[in-house]
C-alpha atoms as a PDB file:
ATOM      1  CA  MET A   1       1.346 -28.950 -14.127  1.00  0.00           C
ATOM      2  CA  ARG A   2       0.300 -27.706 -10.767  1.00  0.00           C
ATOM      3  CA  LYS A   3      -1.190 -30.150  -8.286  1.00  0.00           C
ATOM      4  CA  PRO A   4      -4.882 -29.565  -7.567  1.00  0.00           C
ATOM      5  CA  GLY A   5      -4.206 -29.244  -3.841  1.00  0.00           C
ATOM      6  CA  ARG A   6      -1.761 -26.401  -4.427  1.00  0.00           C
ATOM      7  CA  TYR A   7      -4.277 -24.609  -6.599  1.00  0.00           C
ATOM      8  CA  VAL A   8      -7.070 -25.045  -4.033  1.00  0.00           C
ATOM      9  CA  SER A   9      -4.725 -23.719  -1.301  1.00  0.00           C
ATOM     10  CA  LEU A  10      -3.972 -20.665  -3.395  1.00  0.00           C
ATOM     11  CA  GLU A  11      -7.649 -20.142  -4.061  1.00  0.00           C
ATOM     12  CA  ASP A  12      -8.375 -20.382  -0.309  1.00  0.00           C
ATOM     13  CA  LEU A  13      -5.598 -17.846   0.382  1.00  0.00           C
ATOM     14  CA  GLY A  14      -7.178 -15.398  -2.074  1.00  0.00           C
ATOM     15  CA  ARG A  15     -10.465 -15.670  -0.128  1.00  0.00           C
ATOM     16  CA  VAL A  16      -8.897 -14.794   3.228  1.00  0.00           C
ATOM     17  CA  ARG A  17     -10.623 -11.608   4.515  1.00  0.00           C
ATOM     18  CA  LEU A  18      -8.052  -9.083   5.564  1.00  0.00           C
ATOM     19  CA  SER A  19     -10.490  -6.313   6.557  1.00  0.00           C
ATOM     20  CA  LYS A  20     -14.009  -5.061   5.971  1.00  0.00           C
ATOM     21  CA  HIS A  21     -13.274  -4.096   2.336  1.00  0.00           C
ATOM     22  CA  PHE A  22     -10.437  -6.371   1.233  1.00  0.00           C
ATOM     23  CA  GLN A  23      -9.502  -9.920   0.613  1.00  0.00           C
ATOM     24  CA  PHE A  24      -5.985 -11.217   0.077  1.00  0.00           C
ATOM     25  CA  ARG A  25      -6.719 -11.738  -3.689  1.00  0.00           C
ATOM     26  CA  ASN A  26      -7.019  -7.962  -4.037  1.00  0.00           C
ATOM     27  CA  PHE A  27      -3.204  -7.781  -3.562  1.00  0.00           C
ATOM     28  CA  LEU A  28      -1.928 -10.766  -5.581  1.00  0.00           C
ATOM     29  CA  TYR A  29      -2.010  -9.330  -9.082  1.00  0.00           C
ATOM     30  CA  SER A  30       1.437  -8.632 -10.489  1.00  0.00           C
ATOM     31  CA  GLU A  31       2.067  -7.110 -13.901  1.00  0.00           C
ATOM     32  CA  ILE A  32       5.649  -8.428 -13.836  1.00  0.00           C
ATOM     33  CA  GLY A  33       4.456 -11.869 -12.749  1.00  0.00           C
ATOM     34  CA  ASN A  34       1.793 -12.038 -15.464  1.00  0.00           C
ATOM     35  CA  PHE A  35       4.092 -10.768 -18.259  1.00  0.00           C
ATOM     36  CA  TYR A  36       6.975 -13.089 -17.397  1.00  0.00           C
ATOM     37  CA  GLY A  37       4.911 -16.023 -16.263  1.00  0.00           C
ATOM     38  CA  LYS A  38       6.168 -15.913 -12.605  1.00  0.00           C
ATOM     39  CA  GLN A  39       4.133 -17.122  -9.659  1.00  0.00           C
ATOM     40  CA  ASN A  40       3.306 -14.756  -6.806  1.00  0.00           C
ATOM     41  CA  ILE A  41       2.707 -17.061  -3.817  1.00  0.00           C
ATOM     42  CA  PRO A  42       3.763 -16.403  -0.195  1.00  0.00           C
ATOM     43  CA  ASP A  43       6.489 -18.536   1.397  1.00  0.00           C
ATOM     44  CA  ASP A  44       4.884 -17.756   4.813  1.00  0.00           C
ATOM     45  CA  PRO A  45       1.111 -17.251   4.302  1.00  0.00           C
ATOM     46  CA  ASP A  46       0.428 -16.678   7.989  1.00  0.00           C
ATOM     47  CA  LEU A  47       2.899 -13.783   8.214  1.00  0.00           C
ATOM     48  CA  ALA A  48       1.642 -12.301   4.911  1.00  0.00           C
ATOM     49  CA  ILE A  49      -1.929 -12.480   6.211  1.00  0.00           C
ATOM     50  CA  ALA A  50      -1.023 -10.895   9.560  1.00  0.00           C
ATOM     51  CA  ALA A  51       0.836  -8.051   7.907  1.00  0.00           C
ATOM     52  CA  GLY A  52      -1.836  -7.588   5.252  1.00  0.00           C
ATOM     53  CA  ARG A  53      -4.555  -7.333   7.917  1.00  0.00           C
ATOM     54  CA  LYS A  54      -2.694  -4.535   9.633  1.00  0.00           C
ATOM     55  CA  LEU A  55      -2.244  -2.681   6.338  1.00  0.00           C
ATOM     56  CA  ALA A  56      -5.861  -3.091   5.248  1.00  0.00           C
ATOM     57  CA  THR A  57      -7.540  -2.319   8.554  1.00  0.00           C
ATOM     58  CA  THR A  58      -5.224   0.536   9.635  1.00  0.00           C
ATOM     59  CA  LEU A  59      -4.641   2.282   6.354  1.00  0.00           C
ATOM     60  CA  LEU A  60      -6.757   1.146   3.452  1.00  0.00           C
ATOM     61  CA  ASP A  61     -10.205   0.760   5.013  1.00  0.00           C
ATOM     62  CA  PRO A  62     -10.081   4.373   6.175  1.00  0.00           C
ATOM     63  CA  LEU A  63      -9.211   5.527   2.632  1.00  0.00           C
ATOM     64  CA  VAL A  64     -12.208   3.596   1.149  1.00  0.00           C
ATOM     65  CA  GLU A  65     -14.540   4.961   3.870  1.00  0.00           C
ATOM     66  CA  THR A  66     -13.410   8.474   3.244  1.00  0.00           C
ATOM     67  CA  PHE A  67     -12.814   8.769  -0.567  1.00  0.00           C
ATOM     68  CA  GLY A  68     -14.723   5.818  -1.981  1.00  0.00           C
ATOM     69  CA  PRO A  69     -13.033   3.302  -4.344  1.00  0.00           C
ATOM     70  CA  ILE A  70      -9.299   3.249  -4.506  1.00  0.00           C
ATOM     71  CA  ASP A  71      -7.066   1.794  -7.265  1.00  0.00           C
ATOM     72  CA  ILE A  72      -4.461  -0.817  -6.187  1.00  0.00           C
ATOM     73  CA  ARG A  73      -1.550  -1.027  -8.596  1.00  0.00           C
ATOM     74  CA  SER A  74       0.861  -3.266  -6.722  1.00  0.00           C
ATOM     75  CA  GLY A  75       0.401  -5.061  -3.474  1.00  0.00           C
ATOM     76  CA  TYR A  76       2.038  -8.260  -2.254  1.00  0.00           C
ATOM     77  CA  ARG A  77       5.107  -9.663  -3.940  1.00  0.00           C
ATOM     78  CA  SER A  78       6.772 -12.985  -3.106  1.00  0.00           C
ATOM     79  CA  ALA A  79      10.471 -12.862  -2.358  1.00  0.00           C
ATOM     80  CA  ALA A  80      11.243 -14.787  -5.551  1.00  0.00           C
ATOM     81  CA  LEU A  81       9.115 -12.544  -7.752  1.00  0.00           C
ATOM     82  CA  ASN A  82      10.503  -9.318  -6.197  1.00  0.00           C
ATOM     83  CA  ASN A  83      14.014 -10.525  -6.637  1.00  0.00           C
ATOM     84  CA  PHE A  84      13.303 -11.291 -10.251  1.00  0.00           C
ATOM     85  CA  GLY A  85      11.912  -7.723 -10.749  1.00  0.00           C
ATOM     86  CA  ALA A  86      14.910  -6.219  -8.945  1.00  0.00           C
ATOM     87  CA  THR A  87      17.643  -8.137 -10.731  1.00  0.00           C
ATOM     88  CA  GLU A  88      16.377  -9.600 -14.035  1.00  0.00           C
ATOM     89  CA  VAL A  89      13.956  -7.014 -15.446  1.00  0.00           C
ATOM     90  CA  LYS A  90      15.598  -4.052 -17.226  1.00  0.00           C
ATOM     91  CA  PRO A  91      15.200  -1.316 -16.157  1.00  0.00           C
ATOM     92  CA  GLN A  92      14.602  -2.710 -12.626  1.00  0.00           C
ATOM     93  CA  LYS A  93      10.966  -2.410 -11.605  1.00  0.00           C
ATOM     94  CA  CYS A  94      11.410  -3.484  -7.965  1.00  0.00           C
ATOM     95  CA  ALA A  95      13.682  -2.403  -5.154  1.00  0.00           C
ATOM     96  CA  SER A  96      15.803  -5.135  -3.530  1.00  0.00           C
ATOM     97  CA  ASN A  97      14.424  -7.770  -1.260  1.00  0.00           C
ATOM     98  CA  VAL A  98      16.198  -6.144   1.701  1.00  0.00           C
ATOM     99  CA  SER A  99      14.440  -2.855   1.004  1.00  0.00           C
ATOM    100  CA  ASN A 100      11.092  -4.590   0.604  1.00  0.00           C
ATOM    101  CA  ALA A 101      11.202  -6.560   3.858  1.00  0.00           C
ATOM    102  CA  GLY A 102       9.395  -5.344   6.908  1.00  0.00           C
ATOM    103  CA  GLY A 103       7.256  -2.598   5.554  1.00  0.00           C
ATOM    104  CA  GLY A 104       7.739  -3.161   1.767  1.00  0.00           C
ATOM    105  CA  HIS A 105       6.031  -5.305  -0.826  1.00  0.00           C
ATOM    106  CA  ILE A 106       7.257  -8.621   0.597  1.00  0.00           C
ATOM    107  CA  TRP A 107       4.741  -8.980   3.380  1.00  0.00           C
ATOM    108  CA  ASP A 108       5.994 -12.357   4.602  1.00  0.00           C
ATOM    109  CA  LEU A 109       9.584 -11.233   5.182  1.00  0.00           C
ATOM    110  CA  ARG A 110      10.571  -9.325   8.353  1.00  0.00           C
ATOM    111  CA  ASP A 111      13.344  -6.732   8.298  1.00  0.00           C
ATOM    112  CA  ASP A 112      16.692  -7.098   9.953  1.00  0.00           C
ATOM    113  CA  GLU A 113      15.215  -5.883  13.217  1.00  0.00           C
ATOM    114  CA  GLY A 114      12.413  -8.474  13.092  1.00  0.00           C
ATOM    115  CA  ARG A 115       9.640  -5.978  12.297  1.00  0.00           C
ATOM    116  CA  MET A 116       6.584  -6.991  10.360  1.00  0.00           C
ATOM    117  CA  GLY A 117       5.178  -4.800   7.685  1.00  0.00           C
ATOM    118  CA  ALA A 118       3.355  -4.510   4.344  1.00  0.00           C
ATOM    119  CA  MET A 119       3.104  -2.005   1.470  1.00  0.00           C
ATOM    120  CA  VAL A 120       0.744  -1.281  -1.354  1.00  0.00           C
ATOM    121  CA  SER A 121       0.840   1.125  -4.349  1.00  0.00           C
ATOM    122  CA  VAL A 122      -2.377   3.016  -4.517  1.00  0.00           C
ATOM    123  CA  SER A 123      -4.143   5.933  -6.093  1.00  0.00           C
ATOM    124  CA  ILE A 124      -7.320   7.680  -5.121  1.00  0.00           C
ATOM    125  CA  PRO A 125      -9.490   8.586  -8.156  1.00  0.00           C
ATOM    126  CA  TRP A 126     -11.233  11.383  -6.172  1.00  0.00           C
ATOM    127  CA  PHE A 127      -7.922  13.084  -5.654  1.00  0.00           C
ATOM    128  CA  ALA A 128      -6.203  12.035  -8.898  1.00  0.00           C
ATOM    129  CA  ASP A 129      -8.696  13.959 -10.973  1.00  0.00           C
ATOM    130  CA  GLN A 130      -7.874  17.150  -9.018  1.00  0.00           C
ATOM    131  CA  TYR A 131      -4.161  16.511  -9.060  1.00  0.00           C
ATOM    132  CA  ASN A 132      -4.238  16.059 -12.892  1.00  0.00           C
ATOM    133  CA  ALA A 133      -6.054  19.416 -13.050  1.00  0.00           C
ATOM    134  CA  GLY A 134      -3.183  21.105 -11.130  1.00  0.00           C
ATOM    135  CA  ARG A 135      -3.780  20.363  -7.411  1.00  0.00           C
ATOM    136  CA  ASP A 136      -0.714  20.012  -5.231  1.00  0.00           C
ATOM    137  CA  TRP A 137       0.093  16.442  -4.153  1.00  0.00           C
ATOM    138  CA  ARG A 138       1.119  17.741  -0.677  1.00  0.00           C
ATOM    139  CA  ASP A 139      -2.573  18.392   0.100  1.00  0.00           C
ATOM    140  CA  LEU A 140      -3.138  14.632   0.241  1.00  0.00           C
ATOM    141  CA  ALA A 141       0.198  13.933   1.798  1.00  0.00           C
ATOM    142  CA  TRP A 142      -0.558  16.131   4.834  1.00  0.00           C
ATOM    143  CA  TRP A 143      -4.031  14.622   5.100  1.00  0.00           C
ATOM    144  CA  LEU A 144      -2.438  11.113   5.294  1.00  0.00           C
ATOM    145  CA  PHE A 145      -0.003  12.404   7.963  1.00  0.00           C
ATOM    146  CA  ASP A 146      -2.841  13.681  10.175  1.00  0.00           C
ATOM    147  CA  HIS A 147      -5.203  10.811   9.775  1.00  0.00           C
ATOM    148  CA  LEU A 148      -3.324   7.532   9.241  1.00  0.00           C
ATOM    149  CA  ASP A 149      -0.612   5.793  11.182  1.00  0.00           C
ATOM    150  CA  PHE A 150       1.581   4.853   8.217  1.00  0.00           C
ATOM    151  CA  HIS A 151       5.215   3.951   8.047  1.00  0.00           C
ATOM    152  CA  VAL A 152       6.118   5.484   4.680  1.00  0.00           C
ATOM    153  CA  ALA A 153       4.107   7.413   2.024  1.00  0.00           C
ATOM    154  CA  TRP A 154       6.056   7.822  -1.228  1.00  0.00           C
ATOM    155  CA  PHE A 155       4.414   9.810  -4.091  1.00  0.00           C
ATOM    156  CA  PHE A 156       4.760   9.291  -7.858  1.00  0.00           C
ATOM    157  CA  PRO A 157       3.945  11.664 -10.693  1.00  0.00           C
ATOM    158  CA  LYS A 158       1.268   9.625 -12.442  1.00  0.00           C
ATOM    159  CA  ASN A 159      -2.144  10.297 -10.888  1.00  0.00           C
ATOM    160  CA  ALA A 160      -0.478  11.190  -7.523  1.00  0.00           C
ATOM    161  CA  ALA A 161      -0.176   7.454  -6.906  1.00  0.00           C
ATOM    162  CA  PHE A 162       1.736   6.586  -3.789  1.00  0.00           C
ATOM    163  CA  ASN A 163       3.323   3.723  -1.964  1.00  0.00           C
ATOM    164  CA  LEU A 164       1.664   3.419   1.446  1.00  0.00           C
ATOM    165  CA  SER A 165       3.116   1.105   4.080  1.00  0.00           C
ATOM    166  CA  TRP A 166       2.348  -0.119   7.521  1.00  0.00           C
ATOM    167  CA  ARG A 167       5.128  -1.422   9.834  1.00  0.00           C
ATOM    168  CA  GLU A 168       5.703  -2.146  13.439  1.00  0.00           C
ATOM    169  CA  GLN A 169       7.540   0.926  14.885  1.00  0.00           C
ATOM    170  CA  PRO A 170       6.730   3.216  11.902  1.00  0.00           C
ATOM    171  CA  ASP A 171       9.206   5.930  10.739  1.00  0.00           C
ATOM    172  CA  ARG A 172       6.407   8.277   9.538  1.00  0.00           C
ATOM    173  CA  LEU A 173       8.214   9.328   6.335  1.00  0.00           C
ATOM    174  CA  ILE A 174       6.729  11.255   3.435  1.00  0.00           C
ATOM    175  CA  GLN A 175       8.806  11.323   0.227  1.00  0.00           C
ATOM    176  CA  SER A 176       8.053  12.162  -3.393  1.00  0.00           C
ATOM    177  CA  TYR A 177       9.236  12.002  -6.982  1.00  0.00           C
ATOM    178  CA  ILE A 178       6.959  14.919  -7.696  1.00  0.00           C
ATOM    179  CA  ALA A 179       8.257  18.450  -7.386  1.00  0.00           C
ATOM    180  CA  PRO A 180       9.366  19.515  -4.847  1.00  0.00           C
ATOM    181  CA  LYS A 181      11.116  16.162  -4.911  1.00  0.00           C
ATOM    182  CA  GLY A 182      12.650  14.549  -1.854  1.00  0.00           C
ATOM    183  CA  LYS A 183      11.646  14.281   1.782  1.00  0.00           C
ATOM    184  CA  LEU A 184       8.528  16.203   2.877  1.00  0.00           C
ATOM    185  CA  TYR A 185       8.554  14.889   6.376  1.00  0.00           C
ATOM    186  CA  GLY A 186      10.586  12.592   8.577  1.00  0.00           C
ATOM    187  CA  PRO A 187      12.145  12.355  12.061  1.00  0.00           C
ATOM    188  CA  GLY A 188      13.629  15.668  13.067  1.00  0.00           C
ATOM    189  CA  LEU A 189      11.545  17.740  10.623  1.00  0.00           C
ATOM    190  CA  THR A 190       8.688  20.051  11.539  1.00  0.00           C
ATOM    191  CA  PRO A 191       5.382  19.456   9.762  1.00  0.00           C
ATOM    192  CA  ASP A 192       3.633  22.329   7.955  1.00  0.00           C
ATOM    193  CA  LEU A 193       1.826  24.259  10.663  1.00  0.00           C
ATOM    194  CA  GLN A 194      -0.884  25.376   8.201  1.00  0.00           C
ATOM    195  CA  ARG A 195      -1.257  21.888   6.680  1.00  0.00           C
ATOM    196  CA  ALA A 196      -4.960  21.525   7.692  1.00  0.00           C
ATOM    197  CA  GLU A 197      -5.855  24.377   5.398  1.00  0.00           C
ATOM    198  CA  ARG A 198      -4.645  22.373   2.453  1.00  0.00           C
ATOM    199  CA  TYR A 199      -7.253  19.663   2.881  1.00  0.00           C
ATOM    200  CA  ALA A 200     -10.088  21.675   4.347  1.00  0.00           C
ATOM    201  CA  ASP A 201     -12.368  20.661   1.448  1.00  0.00           C
ATOM    202  CA  PHE A 202     -11.653  16.938   1.796  1.00  0.00           C
ATOM    203  CA  PRO A 203     -14.560  14.600   2.688  1.00  0.00           C
ATOM    204  CA  ALA A 204     -15.185  13.818   6.357  1.00  0.00           C
ATOM    205  CA  PHE A 205     -12.893  11.179   7.742  1.00  0.00           C
ATOM    206  CA  ARG A 206     -14.545   7.782   7.301  1.00  0.00           C
ATOM    207  CA  GLY A 207     -17.725   9.618   6.507  1.00  0.00           C
ATOM    208  CA  ILE A 208     -19.131   7.211   3.883  1.00  0.00           C
ATOM    209  CA  ALA A 209     -21.980   5.163   5.333  1.00  0.00           C
ATOM    210  CA  TYR A 210     -22.053   1.625   4.033  1.00  0.00           C
ATOM    211  CA  PRO A 211     -25.115  -0.673   4.512  1.00  0.00           C
ATOM    212  CA  PRO A 212     -25.159  -2.114   8.000  1.00  0.00           C
ATOM    213  CA  VAL A 213     -24.888  -5.860   8.455  1.00  0.00           C
ATOM    214  CA  PRO A 214     -28.164  -7.166   9.938  1.00  0.00           C
ATOM    215  CA  GLY A 215     -27.746  -8.432  13.404  1.00  0.00           C
ATOM    216  CA  ALA A 216     -24.210  -7.067  13.755  1.00  0.00           C
END
């Protein structure tokens, strides 16, 4: 049985405001954790919060303020939960802890070079409907490239969902499991010179006006 103090601390962690549109609890849900009865609690809450704030303010708030609501499939994973998903669940549902440190799903674990980072799996309903009707996923990929300072964007076939990560010293990689599969952009590659034409019909960047806070 959990101690009341531990539960209250977790409740308080969930209430931590990471950005204008997100609290920490928005990223704690885990399908693997729920199904197998595994906890998803940070070992280093301060580092997880710091990385999560960078992710939410730099990448996710601009998405919400451009496209409206976004769907978060997988956010934060504790090192223990991620290792369970990488080694015990068949087929493996998580990459290794080493791969998920410093820019992956384990927000409270720096990579081997000491870099902080965080990742979230997300889809954008506004774009997913168009993608499912035949639109090219690369239209959104190049929009991300030109508007957000991400570390990695990795696309998946269902609903054009993608892993989006922030990291100190970002690599600026775009990769995909959707045809054409592989690396769309990375160091040493030249971006599509006509890429802006792909997203010319996208909403204005951060163009959604939310109610102002009185006195702010």
